[in-house]
Amino acid sequence: MRNLKRILIALLVLMVILAVLVFVLENQQQVSLLFLGWAGPQLPVSVITVAALLIGMLIGPLLGWLLRLATRASHRRPA
């Protein structure tokens, strides 16, 4: 049973990798983002999208961790 679970997880990871690869290969158009007056370099759409995904994957858990710390601190304070 444990081996089946490992195989299914490995297949799921491979499918996600394949989907990301197809996405990157299909989105090679060069774009430049303009944000608050700052123009970024010309990069493929896929690079910008994957970078935004990775940044979000870092910021989300960080905000959750900070919220958990704030909640614990408020519970420790006497009322």
C-alpha atoms as a PDB file:
ATOM      1  CA  MET A   1       0.000   0.000   0.000  1.00  0.00           C
ATOM      2  CA  ARG A   2       2.847   2.360   0.815  1.00  0.00           C
ATOM      3  CA  ASN A   3       4.496   1.651  -2.528  1.00  0.00           C
ATOM      4  CA  LEU A   4       1.260   2.418  -4.393  1.00  0.00           C
ATOM      5  CA  LYS A   5       0.996   5.741  -2.564  1.00  0.00           C
ATOM      6  CA  ARG A   6       4.587   6.610  -3.507  1.00  0.00           C
ATOM      7  CA  ILE A   7       3.952   5.700  -7.142  1.00  0.00           C
ATOM      8  CA  LEU A   8       0.797   7.825  -7.265  1.00  0.00           C
ATOM      9  CA  ILE A   9       2.623  10.796  -5.703  1.00  0.00           C
ATOM     10  CA  ALA A  10       5.487  10.387  -8.181  1.00  0.00           C
ATOM     11  CA  LEU A  11       3.020  10.285 -11.095  1.00  0.00           C
ATOM     12  CA  LEU A  12       1.254  13.406  -9.792  1.00  0.00           C
ATOM     13  CA  VAL A  13       4.567  15.265  -9.493  1.00  0.00           C
ATOM     14  CA  LEU A  14       5.548  14.210 -13.009  1.00  0.00           C
ATOM     15  CA  MET A  15       2.202  15.380 -14.379  1.00  0.00           C
ATOM     16  CA  VAL A  16       2.619  18.784 -12.697  1.00  0.00           C
ATOM     17  CA  ILE A  17       6.149  19.082 -14.097  1.00  0.00           C
ATOM     18  CA  LEU A  18       4.863  18.168 -17.555  1.00  0.00           C
ATOM     19  CA  ALA A  19       2.047  20.736 -17.296  1.00  0.00           C
ATOM     20  CA  VAL A  20       4.517  23.467 -16.277  1.00  0.00           C
ATOM     21  CA  LEU A  21       6.840  22.497 -19.127  1.00  0.00           C
ATOM     22  CA  VAL A  22       4.002  22.653 -21.673  1.00  0.00           C
ATOM     23  CA  PHE A  23       2.913  26.016 -20.240  1.00  0.00           C
ATOM     24  CA  VAL A  24       6.438  27.416 -20.536  1.00  0.00           C
ATOM     25  CA  LEU A  25       6.867  26.155 -24.090  1.00  0.00           C
ATOM     26  CA  GLU A  26       3.484  27.528 -25.203  1.00  0.00           C
ATOM     27  CA  ASN A  27       3.952  31.011 -23.700  1.00  0.00           C
ATOM     28  CA  GLN A  28       7.150  32.375 -25.186  1.00  0.00           C
ATOM     29  CA  GLN A  29       5.773  35.793 -26.220  1.00  0.00           C
ATOM     30  CA  GLN A  30       7.966  38.625 -24.960  1.00  0.00           C
ATOM     31  CA  VAL A  31       6.255  41.201 -22.738  1.00  0.00           C
ATOM     32  CA  SER A  32       7.371  44.083 -20.572  1.00  0.00           C
ATOM     33  CA  LEU A  33       5.501  44.848 -17.368  1.00  0.00           C
ATOM     34  CA  LEU A  34       4.916  48.404 -16.194  1.00  0.00           C
ATOM     35  CA  PHE A  35       4.486  48.767 -12.431  1.00  0.00           C
ATOM     36  CA  LEU A  36       4.384  52.113 -10.608  1.00  0.00           C
ATOM     37  CA  GLY A  37       6.259  53.796 -13.436  1.00  0.00           C
ATOM     38  CA  TRP A  38       8.981  51.138 -13.520  1.00  0.00           C
ATOM     39  CA  ALA A  39       9.232  49.190 -16.774  1.00  0.00           C
ATOM     40  CA  GLY A  40      10.640  45.703 -16.458  1.00  0.00           C
ATOM     41  CA  PRO A  41      12.799  43.972 -19.026  1.00  0.00           C
ATOM     42  CA  GLN A  42      11.311  42.050 -21.954  1.00  0.00           C
ATOM     43  CA  LEU A  43      10.663  38.532 -20.644  1.00  0.00           C
ATOM     44  CA  PRO A  44       8.487  35.637 -21.822  1.00  0.00           C
ATOM     45  CA  VAL A  45       4.993  35.520 -20.311  1.00  0.00           C
ATOM     46  CA  SER A  46       5.773  32.118 -18.809  1.00  0.00           C
ATOM     47  CA  VAL A  47       8.783  33.429 -16.874  1.00  0.00           C
ATOM     48  CA  ILE A  48       6.738  36.250 -15.358  1.00  0.00           C
ATOM     49  CA  THR A  49       3.859  33.907 -14.483  1.00  0.00           C
ATOM     50  CA  VAL A  50       6.081  31.246 -12.904  1.00  0.00           C
ATOM     51  CA  ALA A  51       7.991  33.936 -10.967  1.00  0.00           C
ATOM     52  CA  ALA A  52       4.692  35.357  -9.653  1.00  0.00           C
ATOM     53  CA  LEU A  53       3.606  31.837  -8.643  1.00  0.00           C
ATOM     54  CA  LEU A  54       6.851  31.181  -6.763  1.00  0.00           C
ATOM     55  CA  ILE A  55       6.740  34.562  -5.006  1.00  0.00           C
ATOM     56  CA  GLY A  56       3.151  33.863  -3.963  1.00  0.00           C
ATOM     57  CA  MET A  57       4.142  30.432  -2.687  1.00  0.00           C
ATOM     58  CA  LEU A  58       6.759  32.123  -0.482  1.00  0.00           C
ATOM     59  CA  ILE A  59       4.640  35.048   0.721  1.00  0.00           C
ATOM     60  CA  GLY A  60       1.535  32.980   1.566  1.00  0.00           C
ATOM     61  CA  PRO A  61       3.161  30.721   4.185  1.00  0.00           C
ATOM     62  CA  LEU A  62       5.168  33.665   5.530  1.00  0.00           C
ATOM     63  CA  LEU A  63       1.979  35.664   6.143  1.00  0.00           C
ATOM     64  CA  GLY A  64       0.351  32.614   7.733  1.00  0.00           C
ATOM     65  CA  TRP A  65       3.322  32.202  10.043  1.00  0.00           C
ATOM     66  CA  LEU A  66       3.252  35.899  11.022  1.00  0.00           C
ATOM     67  CA  LEU A  67      -0.491  35.724  11.676  1.00  0.00           C
ATOM     68  CA  ARG A  68      -0.006  32.640  13.843  1.00  0.00           C
ATOM     69  CA  LEU A  69       2.703  34.459  15.843  1.00  0.00           C
ATOM     70  CA  ALA A  70       0.447  37.479  16.324  1.00  0.00           C
ATOM     71  CA  THR A  71      -2.428  35.258  17.454  1.00  0.00           C
ATOM     72  CA  ARG A  72      -0.228  33.428  19.959  1.00  0.00           C
ATOM     73  CA  ALA A  73       1.111  36.726  21.311  1.00  0.00           C
ATOM     74  CA  SER A  74      -2.429  38.078  21.805  1.00  0.00           C
ATOM     75  CA  HIS A  75      -3.472  34.909  23.657  1.00  0.00           C
ATOM     76  CA  ARG A  76      -0.504  35.145  26.018  1.00  0.00           C
ATOM     77  CA  ARG A  77      -1.295  38.740  27.033  1.00  0.00           C
ATOM     78  CA  PRO A  78      -3.411  38.951  30.174  1.00  0.00           C
ATOM     79  CA  ALA A  79      -6.821  40.500  29.592  1.00  0.00           C
END
